[in-house]
PDB file of N, CA and C in Angstrom:
ATOM      1  N   UNK A   1      86.532 170.292  73.006  1.00  0.00           N
ATOM      2  CA  UNK A   1      87.867 170.259  73.590  1.00  0.00           C
ATOM      3  C   UNK A   1      88.484 171.610  73.245  1.00  0.00           C
ATOM      4  N   UNK A   2      88.928 172.298  74.224  1.00  0.00           N
ATOM      5  CA  UNK A   2      89.551 173.615  73.997  1.00  0.00           C
ATOM      6  C   UNK A   2      91.032 173.449  73.639  1.00  0.00           C
ATOM      7  N   UNK A   3      91.766 172.871  74.569  1.00  0.00           N
ATOM      8  CA  UNK A   3      93.204 172.674  74.368  1.00  0.00           C
ATOM      9  C   UNK A   3      93.682 171.549  75.259  1.00  0.00           C
ATOM     10  N   UNK A   4      94.784 170.944  74.871  1.00  0.00           N
ATOM     11  CA  UNK A   4      95.482 170.009  75.749  1.00  0.00           C
ATOM     12  C   UNK A   4      96.853 170.620  76.028  1.00  0.00           C
ATOM     13  N   UNK A   5      97.112 170.876  77.302  1.00  0.00           N
ATOM     14  CA  UNK A   5      98.416 171.391  77.698  1.00  0.00           C
ATOM     15  C   UNK A   5      99.161 170.313  78.475  1.00  0.00           C
ATOM     16  N   UNK A   6     100.373 170.047  78.072  1.00  0.00           N
ATOM     17  CA  UNK A   6     101.251 169.146  78.789  1.00  0.00           C
ATOM     18  C   UNK A   6     102.556 169.891  79.089  1.00  0.00           C
ATOM     19  N   UNK A   7     102.859 170.000  80.356  1.00  0.00           N
ATOM     20  CA  UNK A   7     104.127 170.677  80.743  1.00  0.00           C
ATOM     21  C   UNK A   7     105.275 170.011  79.983  1.00  0.00           C
ATOM     22  N   UNK A   8     106.215 170.830  79.526  1.00  0.00           N
ATOM     23  CA  UNK A   8     107.316 170.334  78.709  1.00  0.00           C
ATOM     24  C   UNK A   8     108.049 169.138  79.331  1.00  0.00           C
ATOM     25  N   UNK A   9     108.175 169.157  80.665  1.00  0.00           N
ATOM     26  CA  UNK A   9     108.897 168.089  81.355  1.00  0.00           C
ATOM     27  C   UNK A   9     108.147 166.741  81.213  1.00  0.00           C
ATOM     28  N   UNK A  10     106.861 166.788  80.884  1.00  0.00           N
ATOM     29  CA  UNK A  10     106.057 165.553  80.792  1.00  0.00           C
ATOM     30  C   UNK A  10     105.642 165.226  79.373  1.00  0.00           C
ATOM     31  N   UNK A  11     106.130 165.970  78.396  1.00  0.00           N
ATOM     32  CA  UNK A  11     105.800 165.688  76.996  1.00  0.00           C
ATOM     33  C   UNK A  11     106.525 164.428  76.534  1.00  0.00           C
ATOM     34  N   UNK A  12     105.998 163.857  75.487  1.00  0.00           N
ATOM     35  CA  UNK A  12     106.562 162.632  74.873  1.00  0.00           C
ATOM     36  C   UNK A  12     106.516 161.422  75.800  1.00  0.00           C
ATOM     37  N   UNK A  13     105.515 161.386  76.667  1.00  0.00           N
ATOM     38  CA  UNK A  13     105.331 160.247  77.582  1.00  0.00           C
ATOM     39  C   UNK A  13     103.971 159.593  77.381  1.00  0.00           C
ATOM     40  N   UNK A  14     103.258 159.986  76.344  1.00  0.00           N
ATOM     41  CA  UNK A  14     101.951 159.393  76.051  1.00  0.00           C
ATOM     42  C   UNK A  14     100.785 160.061  76.756  1.00  0.00           C
ATOM     43  N   UNK A  15     101.040 161.121  77.521  1.00  0.00           N
ATOM     44  CA  UNK A  15      99.955 161.772  78.253  1.00  0.00           C
ATOM     45  C   UNK A  15      98.961 162.462  77.305  1.00  0.00           C
ATOM     46  N   UNK A  16      99.460 163.092  76.258  1.00  0.00           N
ATOM     47  CA  UNK A  16      98.588 163.726  75.279  1.00  0.00           C
ATOM     48  C   UNK A  16      97.668 162.718  74.633  1.00  0.00           C
ATOM     49  N   UNK A  17      98.204 161.558  74.302  1.00  0.00           N
ATOM     50  CA  UNK A  17      97.393 160.483  73.728  1.00  0.00           C
ATOM     51  C   UNK A  17      96.304 160.042  74.691  1.00  0.00           C
ATOM     52  N   UNK A  18      96.638 159.892  75.951  1.00  0.00           N
ATOM     53  CA  UNK A  18      95.661 159.460  76.950  1.00  0.00           C
ATOM     54  C   UNK A  18      94.551 160.477  77.151  1.00  0.00           C
ATOM     55  N   UNK A  19      94.937 161.757  77.205  1.00  0.00           N
ATOM     56  CA  UNK A  19      93.915 162.819  77.355  1.00  0.00           C
ATOM     57  C   UNK A  19      93.049 162.900  76.121  1.00  0.00           C
ATOM     58  N   UNK A  20      93.680 162.767  74.956  1.00  0.00           N
ATOM     59  CA  UNK A  20      92.925 162.803  73.702  1.00  0.00           C
ATOM     60  C   UNK A  20      91.912 161.634  73.657  1.00  0.00           C
ATOM     61  N   UNK A  21      92.368 160.426  74.003  1.00  0.00           N
ATOM     62  CA  UNK A  21      91.481 159.275  73.981  1.00  0.00           C
ATOM     63  C   UNK A  21      90.286 159.505  74.923  1.00  0.00           C
ATOM     64  N   UNK A  22      90.536 160.070  76.095  1.00  0.00           N
ATOM     65  CA  UNK A  22      89.473 160.334  77.050  1.00  0.00           C
ATOM     66  C   UNK A  22      88.462 161.340  76.486  1.00  0.00           C
ATOM     67  N   UNK A  23      88.980 162.367  75.811  1.00  0.00           N
ATOM     68  CA  UNK A  23      88.067 163.360  75.203  1.00  0.00           C
ATOM     69  C   UNK A  23      87.199 162.703  74.117  1.00  0.00           C
ATOM     70  N   UNK A  24      87.764 161.824  73.328  1.00  0.00           N
ATOM     71  CA  UNK A  24      86.972 161.120  72.289  1.00  0.00           C
ATOM     72  C   UNK A  24      85.924 160.230  72.926  1.00  0.00           C
ATOM     73  N   UNK A  25      86.303 159.513  73.993  1.00  0.00           N
ATOM     74  CA  UNK A  25      85.349 158.668  74.693  1.00  0.00           C
ATOM     75  C   UNK A  25      84.194 159.491  75.230  1.00  0.00           C
ATOM     76  N   UNK A  26      84.510 160.625  75.825  1.00  0.00           N
ATOM     77  CA  UNK A  26      83.473 161.511  76.407  1.00  0.00           C
ATOM     78  C   UNK A  26      82.543 162.029  75.311  1.00  0.00           C
ATOM     79  N   UNK A  27      83.107 162.469  74.181  1.00  0.00           N
ATOM     80  CA  UNK A  27      82.304 162.970  73.074  1.00  0.00           C
ATOM     81  C   UNK A  27      81.404 161.869  72.546  1.00  0.00           C
ATOM     82  N   UNK A  28      81.916 160.665  72.418  1.00  0.00           N
ATOM     83  CA  UNK A  28      81.117 159.534  71.965  1.00  0.00           C
ATOM     84  C   UNK A  28      79.990 159.226  72.945  1.00  0.00           C
ATOM     85  N   UNK A  29      80.312 159.236  74.252  1.00  0.00           N
ATOM     86  CA  UNK A  29      79.291 158.999  75.291  1.00  0.00           C
ATOM     87  C   UNK A  29      78.166 160.021  75.204  1.00  0.00           C
ATOM     88  N   UNK A  30      78.493 161.231  74.774  1.00  0.00           N
ATOM     89  CA  UNK A  30      77.504 162.307  74.660  1.00  0.00           C
ATOM     90  C   UNK A  30      76.859 162.336  73.287  1.00  0.00           C
ATOM     91  N   UNK A  31      77.118 161.306  72.476  1.00  0.00           N
ATOM     92  CA  UNK A  31      76.535 161.189  71.109  1.00  0.00           C
ATOM     93  C   UNK A  31      76.880 162.365  70.217  1.00  0.00           C
ATOM     94  N   UNK A  32      78.086 162.898  70.362  1.00  0.00           N
ATOM     95  CA  UNK A  32      78.524 163.990  69.499  1.00  0.00           C
ATOM     96  C   UNK A  32      78.989 163.419  68.148  1.00  0.00           C
ATOM     97  N   UNK A  33      78.770 164.200  67.085  1.00  0.00           N
ATOM     98  CA  UNK A  33      79.214 163.775  65.763  1.00  0.00           C
ATOM     99  C   UNK A  33      80.631 164.222  65.441  1.00  0.00           C
ATOM    100  N   UNK A  34      81.046 165.340  66.084  1.00  0.00           N
ATOM    101  CA  UNK A  34      82.363 165.899  65.819  1.00  0.00           C
ATOM    102  C   UNK A  34      83.002 166.379  67.116  1.00  0.00           C
ATOM    103  N   UNK A  35      84.300 166.479  67.087  1.00  0.00           N
ATOM    104  CA  UNK A  35      85.048 167.117  68.177  1.00  0.00           C
ATOM    105  C   UNK A  35      85.839 168.243  67.530  1.00  0.00           C
ATOM    106  N   UNK A  36      85.825 169.395  68.179  1.00  0.00           N
ATOM    107  CA  UNK A  36      86.499 170.601  67.665  1.00  0.00           C
ATOM    108  C   UNK A  36      87.530 171.049  68.667  1.00  0.00           C
ATOM    109  N   UNK A  37      88.541 171.756  68.203  1.00  0.00           N
ATOM    110  CA  UNK A  37      89.506 172.344  69.102  1.00  0.00           C
ATOM    111  C   UNK A  37      90.147 173.553  68.467  1.00  0.00           C
ATOM    112  N   UNK A  38      90.753 174.380  69.321  1.00  0.00           N
ATOM    113  CA  UNK A  38      91.512 175.524  68.881  1.00  0.00           C
ATOM    114  C   UNK A  38      92.955 175.340  69.258  1.00  0.00           C
ATOM    115  N   UNK A  39      93.874 175.690  68.335  1.00  0.00           N
ATOM    116  CA  UNK A  39      95.298 175.540  68.619  1.00  0.00           C
ATOM    117  C   UNK A  39      96.028 176.738  67.997  1.00  0.00           C
ATOM    118  N   UNK A  40      96.939 177.288  68.757  1.00  0.00           N
ATOM    119  CA  UNK A  40      97.702 178.449  68.305  1.00  0.00           C
ATOM    120  C   UNK A  40      98.437 178.088  67.023  1.00  0.00           C
ATOM    121  N   UNK A  41      98.338 178.979  66.032  1.00  0.00           N
ATOM    122  CA  UNK A  41      98.908 178.704  64.703  1.00  0.00           C
ATOM    123  C   UNK A  41     100.415 178.488  64.731  1.00  0.00           C
ATOM    124  N   UNK A  42     101.098 178.968  65.749  1.00  0.00           N
ATOM    125  CA  UNK A  42     102.567 178.789  65.849  1.00  0.00           C
ATOM    126  C   UNK A  42     102.974 177.543  66.633  1.00  0.00           C
ATOM    127  N   UNK A  43     101.984 176.802  67.153  1.00  0.00           N
ATOM    128  CA  UNK A  43     102.298 175.585  67.927  1.00  0.00           C
ATOM    129  C   UNK A  43     102.345 174.398  66.942  1.00  0.00           C
ATOM    130  N   UNK A  44     103.418 174.323  66.203  1.00  0.00           N
ATOM    131  CA  UNK A  44     103.545 173.342  65.122  1.00  0.00           C
ATOM    132  C   UNK A  44     103.527 171.904  65.652  1.00  0.00           C
ATOM    133  N   UNK A  45     104.097 171.645  66.824  1.00  0.00           N
ATOM    134  CA  UNK A  45     104.076 170.298  67.409  1.00  0.00           C
ATOM    135  C   UNK A  45     102.646 169.860  67.689  1.00  0.00           C
ATOM    136  N   UNK A  46     101.862 170.750  68.259  1.00  0.00           N
ATOM    137  CA  UNK A  46     100.454 170.424  68.578  1.00  0.00           C
ATOM    138  C   UNK A  46      99.654 170.210  67.306  1.00  0.00           C
ATOM    139  N   UNK A  47      99.872 171.078  66.310  1.00  0.00           N
ATOM    140  CA  UNK A  47      99.141 170.932  65.052  1.00  0.00           C
ATOM    141  C   UNK A  47      99.448 169.582  64.421  1.00  0.00           C
ATOM    142  N   UNK A  48     100.710 169.221  64.415  1.00  0.00           N
ATOM    143  CA  UNK A  48     101.126 167.937  63.868  1.00  0.00           C
ATOM    144  C   UNK A  48     100.496 166.768  64.636  1.00  0.00           C
ATOM    145  N   UNK A  49     100.457 166.882  65.973  1.00  0.00           N
ATOM    146  CA  UNK A  49      99.819 165.862  66.828  1.00  0.00           C
ATOM    147  C   UNK A  49      98.348 165.700  66.444  1.00  0.00           C
ATOM    148  N   UNK A  50      97.636 166.817  66.351  1.00  0.00           N
ATOM    149  CA  UNK A  50      96.213 166.756  66.035  1.00  0.00           C
ATOM    150  C   UNK A  50      95.957 166.234  64.622  1.00  0.00           C
ATOM    151  N   UNK A  51      96.793 166.627  63.658  1.00  0.00           N
ATOM    152  CA  UNK A  51      96.653 166.108  62.293  1.00  0.00           C
ATOM    153  C   UNK A  51      96.847 164.584  62.272  1.00  0.00           C
ATOM    154  N   UNK A  52      97.795 164.090  63.030  1.00  0.00           N
ATOM    155  CA  UNK A  52      98.016 162.642  63.106  1.00  0.00           C
ATOM    156  C   UNK A  52      96.794 161.939  63.704  1.00  0.00           C
ATOM    157  N   UNK A  53      96.061 162.648  64.531  1.00  0.00           N
ATOM    158  CA  UNK A  53      94.859 162.097  65.168  1.00  0.00           C
ATOM    159  C   UNK A  53      93.634 162.263  64.306  1.00  0.00           C
ATOM    160  N   UNK A  54      93.794 162.797  63.101  1.00  0.00           N
ATOM    161  CA  UNK A  54      92.679 162.880  62.159  1.00  0.00           C
ATOM    162  C   UNK A  54      91.952 164.217  62.105  1.00  0.00           C
ATOM    163  N   UNK A  55      92.460 165.228  62.793  1.00  0.00           N
ATOM    164  CA  UNK A  55      91.858 166.542  62.744  1.00  0.00           C
ATOM    165  C   UNK A  55      92.250 167.242  61.450  1.00  0.00           C
ATOM    166  N   UNK A  56      91.348 168.063  60.940  1.00  0.00           N
ATOM    167  CA  UNK A  56      91.635 168.907  59.780  1.00  0.00           C
ATOM    168  C   UNK A  56      91.370 170.363  60.165  1.00  0.00           C
ATOM    169  N   UNK A  57      92.119 171.248  59.551  1.00  0.00           N
ATOM    170  CA  UNK A  57      91.946 172.689  59.753  1.00  0.00           C
ATOM    171  C   UNK A  57      90.724 173.140  59.004  1.00  0.00           C
ATOM    172  N   UNK A  58      89.774 173.770  59.709  1.00  0.00           N
ATOM    173  CA  UNK A  58      88.532 174.204  59.050  1.00  0.00           C
ATOM    174  C   UNK A  58      88.311 175.701  59.131  1.00  0.00           C
ATOM    175  N   UNK A  59      89.012 176.401  60.053  1.00  0.00           N
ATOM    176  CA  UNK A  59      88.787 177.811  60.229  1.00  0.00           C
ATOM    177  C   UNK A  59      89.903 178.383  61.118  1.00  0.00           C
ATOM    178  N   UNK A  60      89.759 179.659  61.459  1.00  0.00           N
ATOM    179  CA  UNK A  60      90.686 180.331  62.399  1.00  0.00           C
ATOM    180  C   UNK A  60      89.930 181.463  63.076  1.00  0.00           C
ATOM    181  N   UNK A  61      90.433 181.885  64.219  1.00  0.00           N
ATOM    182  CA  UNK A  61      89.853 183.020  64.920  1.00  0.00           C
ATOM    183  C   UNK A  61      90.914 183.643  65.834  1.00  0.00           C
ATOM    184  N   UNK A  62      90.709 184.930  66.183  1.00  0.00           N
ATOM    185  CA  UNK A  62      91.676 185.568  67.078  1.00  0.00           C
ATOM    186  C   UNK A  62      91.551 185.017  68.500  1.00  0.00           C
ATOM    187  N   UNK A  63      92.682 184.959  69.163  1.00  0.00           N
ATOM    188  CA  UNK A  63      92.766 184.511  70.557  1.00  0.00           C
ATOM    189  C   UNK A  63      93.676 185.505  71.258  1.00  0.00           C
ATOM    190  N   UNK A  64      93.288 185.977  72.414  1.00  0.00           N
ATOM    191  CA  UNK A  64      94.061 187.021  73.085  1.00  0.00           C
ATOM    192  C   UNK A  64      94.797 186.434  74.308  1.00  0.00           C
ATOM    193  N   UNK A  65      96.110 186.748  74.339  1.00  0.00           N
ATOM    194  CA  UNK A  65      96.943 186.493  75.517  1.00  0.00           C
ATOM    195  C   UNK A  65      97.243 187.866  76.076  1.00  0.00           C
ATOM    196  N   UNK A  66      96.480 188.244  77.088  1.00  0.00           N
ATOM    197  CA  UNK A  66      96.602 189.642  77.561  1.00  0.00           C
ATOM    198  C   UNK A  66      96.126 190.565  76.461  1.00  0.00           C
ATOM    199  N   UNK A  67      96.987 191.500  76.087  1.00  0.00           N
ATOM    200  CA  UNK A  67      96.648 192.429  75.006  1.00  0.00           C
ATOM    201  C   UNK A  67      97.111 191.973  73.651  1.00  0.00           C
ATOM    202  N   UNK A  68      97.840 190.869  73.599  1.00  0.00           N
ATOM    203  CA  UNK A  68      98.408 190.379  72.347  1.00  0.00           C
ATOM    204  C   UNK A  68      97.435 189.490  71.590  1.00  0.00           C
ATOM    205  N   UNK A  69      97.112 189.883  70.382  1.00  0.00           N
ATOM    206  CA  UNK A  69      96.235 189.055  69.540  1.00  0.00           C
ATOM    207  C   UNK A  69      97.048 187.985  68.845  1.00  0.00           C
ATOM    208  N   UNK A  70      96.606 186.751  68.975  1.00  0.00           N
ATOM    209  CA  UNK A  70      97.185 185.609  68.285  1.00  0.00           C
ATOM    210  C   UNK A  70      96.082 184.956  67.483  1.00  0.00           C
ATOM    211  N   UNK A  71      96.461 184.064  66.600  1.00  0.00           N
ATOM    212  CA  UNK A  71      95.464 183.374  65.798  1.00  0.00           C
ATOM    213  C   UNK A  71      95.436 181.904  66.190  1.00  0.00           C
ATOM    214  N   UNK A  72      94.235 181.416  66.488  1.00  0.00           N
ATOM    215  CA  UNK A  72      94.009 179.985  66.752  1.00  0.00           C
ATOM    216  C   UNK A  72      93.442 179.368  65.493  1.00  0.00           C
ATOM    217  N   UNK A  73      93.972 178.221  65.137  1.00  0.00           N
ATOM    218  CA  UNK A  73      93.377 177.410  64.091  1.00  0.00           C
ATOM    219  C   UNK A  73      92.247 176.605  64.706  1.00  0.00           C
ATOM    220  N   UNK A  74      91.139 176.520  64.022  1.00  0.00           N
ATOM    221  CA  UNK A  74      90.032 175.681  64.466  1.00  0.00           C
ATOM    222  C   UNK A  74      90.166 174.373  63.693  1.00  0.00           C
ATOM    223  N   UNK A  75      90.215 173.281  64.446  1.00  0.00           N
ATOM    224  CA  UNK A  75      90.378 171.956  63.833  1.00  0.00           C
ATOM    225  C   UNK A  75      89.218 171.084  64.241  1.00  0.00           C
ATOM    226  N   UNK A  76      88.871 170.152  63.358  1.00  0.00           N
ATOM    227  CA  UNK A  76      87.657 169.327  63.541  1.00  0.00           C
ATOM    228  C   UNK A  76      87.981 167.892  63.190  1.00  0.00           C
ATOM    229  N   UNK A  77      87.314 166.970  63.929  1.00  0.00           N
ATOM    230  CA  UNK A  77      87.444 165.535  63.673  1.00  0.00           C
ATOM    231  C   UNK A  77      86.069 164.887  63.858  1.00  0.00           C
ATOM    232  N   UNK A  78      85.721 163.974  62.956  1.00  0.00           N
ATOM    233  CA  UNK A  78      84.473 163.218  63.088  1.00  0.00           C
ATOM    234  C   UNK A  78      84.625 162.178  64.181  1.00  0.00           C
ATOM    235  N   UNK A  79      83.593 161.974  64.971  1.00  0.00           N
ATOM    236  CA  UNK A  79      83.567 160.952  66.005  1.00  0.00           C
ATOM    237  C   UNK A  79      82.933 159.699  65.402  1.00  0.00           C
ATOM    238  N   UNK A  80      83.617 158.575  65.513  1.00  0.00           N
ATOM    239  CA  UNK A  80      83.104 157.315  65.005  1.00  0.00           C
ATOM    240  C   UNK A  80      82.724 156.432  66.195  1.00  0.00           C
ATOM    241  N   UNK A  81      81.468 156.080  66.260  1.00  0.00           N
ATOM    242  CA  UNK A  81      81.006 155.231  67.374  1.00  0.00           C
ATOM    243  C   UNK A  81      81.384 153.813  67.182  1.00  0.00           C
TER     244      UNK A  81
END
């Protein structure tokens, strides 16, 4: 999973939870042991959402928006069948 984007007008309506659940189902169907994602270090709402879902911060890497370097946190969650 790379990212989940929800337009601000549609946030807090459960859509992130539904997309997240679908990603977990797909990973389980593919017999994956873990699901990974990258999230911008300044996106505190998203980080909090992923932490509530059981993700932990395991690393970081640069991410470029045009010429601007930003840092993405790499987060990981075990898949339980």
